[in-house]
Amino acid sequence: METPIPSPDALVQLLGASLILTAHLALCLGRTDARRTPYLAANTIGAGLLAWEAYRTEQIGFLLLEGVWATASASAWFRIVTRRCG
């Protein structure tokens, strides 16, 4: 029996979900802070990937959820980065 190879879409979804879940787990375990760049980067990129997949497959509710999540994370990340550079 052959092991099925995940489709490119499935790989993007797995990567996006893994980034968000890893960041959340690190936060719950006290290994990061919600204002740290790695946490916000993982949330922004993960949610962005999932939002893109939701857009491509016309899953409007999922697109709304992930689009807002990506936008909020990116906004917080941008504020932190500009505060450090400014």
C-alpha atoms as a PDB file:
ATOM      1  CA  MET A   1       0.000   0.000   0.000  1.00  0.00           C
ATOM      2  CA  GLU A   2       1.434   3.333  -1.042  1.00  0.00           C
ATOM      3  CA  THR A   3       1.458   6.368   1.219  1.00  0.00           C
ATOM      4  CA  PRO A   4      -0.550   9.128  -0.466  1.00  0.00           C
ATOM      5  CA  ILE A   5       1.398  12.276  -1.269  1.00  0.00           C
ATOM      6  CA  PRO A   6      -0.391  15.386   0.028  1.00  0.00           C
ATOM      7  CA  SER A   7      -1.474  17.873  -2.614  1.00  0.00           C
ATOM      8  CA  PRO A   8       0.222  21.288  -2.746  1.00  0.00           C
ATOM      9  CA  ASP A   9      -2.995  22.794  -1.322  1.00  0.00           C
ATOM     10  CA  ALA A  10      -2.899  20.393   1.616  1.00  0.00           C
ATOM     11  CA  LEU A  11       0.759  21.224   2.264  1.00  0.00           C
ATOM     12  CA  VAL A  12      -0.009  24.963   2.346  1.00  0.00           C
ATOM     13  CA  GLN A  13      -2.878  24.316   4.764  1.00  0.00           C
ATOM     14  CA  LEU A  14      -0.696  22.134   6.991  1.00  0.00           C
ATOM     15  CA  LEU A  15       2.063  24.746   7.046  1.00  0.00           C
ATOM     16  CA  GLY A  16      -0.351  27.579   7.875  1.00  0.00           C
ATOM     17  CA  ALA A  17      -2.092  25.639  10.624  1.00  0.00           C
ATOM     18  CA  SER A  18       1.244  24.417  12.039  1.00  0.00           C
ATOM     19  CA  LEU A  19       2.579  27.965  12.295  1.00  0.00           C
ATOM     20  CA  ILE A  20      -0.490  29.209  14.160  1.00  0.00           C
ATOM     21  CA  LEU A  21      -0.694  26.198  16.459  1.00  0.00           C
ATOM     22  CA  THR A  22       3.025  26.238  17.260  1.00  0.00           C
ATOM     23  CA  ALA A  23       2.849  29.926  18.178  1.00  0.00           C
ATOM     24  CA  HIS A  24      -0.214  29.313  20.343  1.00  0.00           C
ATOM     25  CA  LEU A  25       1.388  26.343  22.086  1.00  0.00           C
ATOM     26  CA  ALA A  26       4.547  28.377  22.788  1.00  0.00           C
ATOM     27  CA  LEU A  27       2.361  31.137  24.255  1.00  0.00           C
ATOM     28  CA  CYS A  28       0.421  28.680  26.452  1.00  0.00           C
ATOM     29  CA  LEU A  29       3.651  27.107  27.715  1.00  0.00           C
ATOM     30  CA  GLY A  30       5.100  30.513  28.573  1.00  0.00           C
ATOM     31  CA  ARG A  31       7.865  30.216  25.969  1.00  0.00           C
ATOM     32  CA  THR A  32       6.886  33.411  24.187  1.00  0.00           C
ATOM     33  CA  ASP A  33       4.900  36.565  24.621  1.00  0.00           C
ATOM     34  CA  ALA A  34       2.083  37.799  22.371  1.00  0.00           C
ATOM     35  CA  ARG A  35       4.087  40.977  21.688  1.00  0.00           C
ATOM     36  CA  ARG A  36       7.180  39.188  20.360  1.00  0.00           C
ATOM     37  CA  THR A  37       8.087  39.183  16.700  1.00  0.00           C
ATOM     38  CA  PRO A  38       8.309  35.371  16.270  1.00  0.00           C
ATOM     39  CA  TYR A  39       4.812  34.896  17.710  1.00  0.00           C
ATOM     40  CA  LEU A  40       3.309  37.628  15.535  1.00  0.00           C
ATOM     41  CA  ALA A  41       5.225  36.503  12.448  1.00  0.00           C
ATOM     42  CA  ALA A  42       4.010  32.919  12.826  1.00  0.00           C
ATOM     43  CA  ASN A  43       0.406  34.104  13.249  1.00  0.00           C
ATOM     44  CA  THR A  44       0.597  36.542  10.330  1.00  0.00           C
ATOM     45  CA  ILE A  45       2.178  34.079   7.906  1.00  0.00           C
ATOM     46  CA  GLY A  46       0.090  31.104   9.038  1.00  0.00           C
ATOM     47  CA  ALA A  47      -3.198  32.990   8.876  1.00  0.00           C
ATOM     48  CA  GLY A  48      -2.183  34.560   5.569  1.00  0.00           C
ATOM     49  CA  LEU A  49      -1.567  31.141   4.037  1.00  0.00           C
ATOM     50  CA  LEU A  50      -4.886  29.838   5.315  1.00  0.00           C
ATOM     51  CA  ALA A  51      -6.707  32.974   4.143  1.00  0.00           C
ATOM     52  CA  TRP A  52      -5.231  32.530   0.672  1.00  0.00           C
ATOM     53  CA  GLU A  53      -6.417  28.922   0.550  1.00  0.00           C
ATOM     54  CA  ALA A  54      -9.868  29.966   1.781  1.00  0.00           C
ATOM     55  CA  TYR A  55     -10.029  32.627  -0.942  1.00  0.00           C
ATOM     56  CA  ARG A  56      -8.980  30.172  -3.636  1.00  0.00           C
ATOM     57  CA  THR A  57     -11.597  27.630  -2.570  1.00  0.00           C
ATOM     58  CA  GLU A  58     -14.325  30.229  -1.955  1.00  0.00           C
ATOM     59  CA  GLN A  59     -14.782  29.407   1.735  1.00  0.00           C
ATOM     60  CA  ILE A  60     -16.119  32.809   2.767  1.00  0.00           C
ATOM     61  CA  GLY A  61     -16.473  32.188   6.515  1.00  0.00           C
ATOM     62  CA  PHE A  62     -12.977  30.751   6.762  1.00  0.00           C
ATOM     63  CA  LEU A  63     -11.630  33.625   4.645  1.00  0.00           C
ATOM     64  CA  LEU A  64     -13.202  36.129   7.043  1.00  0.00           C
ATOM     65  CA  LEU A  65     -11.720  34.380  10.090  1.00  0.00           C
ATOM     66  CA  GLU A  66      -8.209  33.975   8.705  1.00  0.00           C
ATOM     67  CA  GLY A  67      -8.202  37.331   6.913  1.00  0.00           C
ATOM     68  CA  VAL A  68      -9.023  39.195  10.125  1.00  0.00           C
ATOM     69  CA  TRP A  69      -6.516  37.080  12.075  1.00  0.00           C
ATOM     70  CA  ALA A  70      -3.753  37.815   9.545  1.00  0.00           C
ATOM     71  CA  THR A  71      -4.601  41.533   9.444  1.00  0.00           C
ATOM     72  CA  ALA A  72      -4.663  41.898  13.234  1.00  0.00           C
ATOM     73  CA  SER A  73      -1.385  39.995  13.635  1.00  0.00           C
ATOM     74  CA  ALA A  74       0.304  41.945  10.844  1.00  0.00           C
ATOM     75  CA  SER A  75      -0.872  45.224  12.348  1.00  0.00           C
ATOM     76  CA  ALA A  76       0.563  44.353  15.778  1.00  0.00           C
ATOM     77  CA  TRP A  77       3.793  43.091  14.188  1.00  0.00           C
ATOM     78  CA  PHE A  78       4.131  46.306  12.163  1.00  0.00           C
ATOM     79  CA  ARG A  79       3.625  48.478  15.281  1.00  0.00           C
ATOM     80  CA  ILE A  80       6.325  46.576  17.165  1.00  0.00           C
ATOM     81  CA  VAL A  81       8.821  46.671  14.290  1.00  0.00           C
ATOM     82  CA  THR A  82       8.299  50.384  13.624  1.00  0.00           C
ATOM     83  CA  ARG A  83       8.598  51.182  17.334  1.00  0.00           C
ATOM     84  CA  ARG A  84      12.005  49.452  17.420  1.00  0.00           C
ATOM     85  CA  CYS A  85      13.221  51.201  14.275  1.00  0.00           C
ATOM     86  CA  GLY A  86      11.781  54.610  15.064  1.00  0.00           C
END
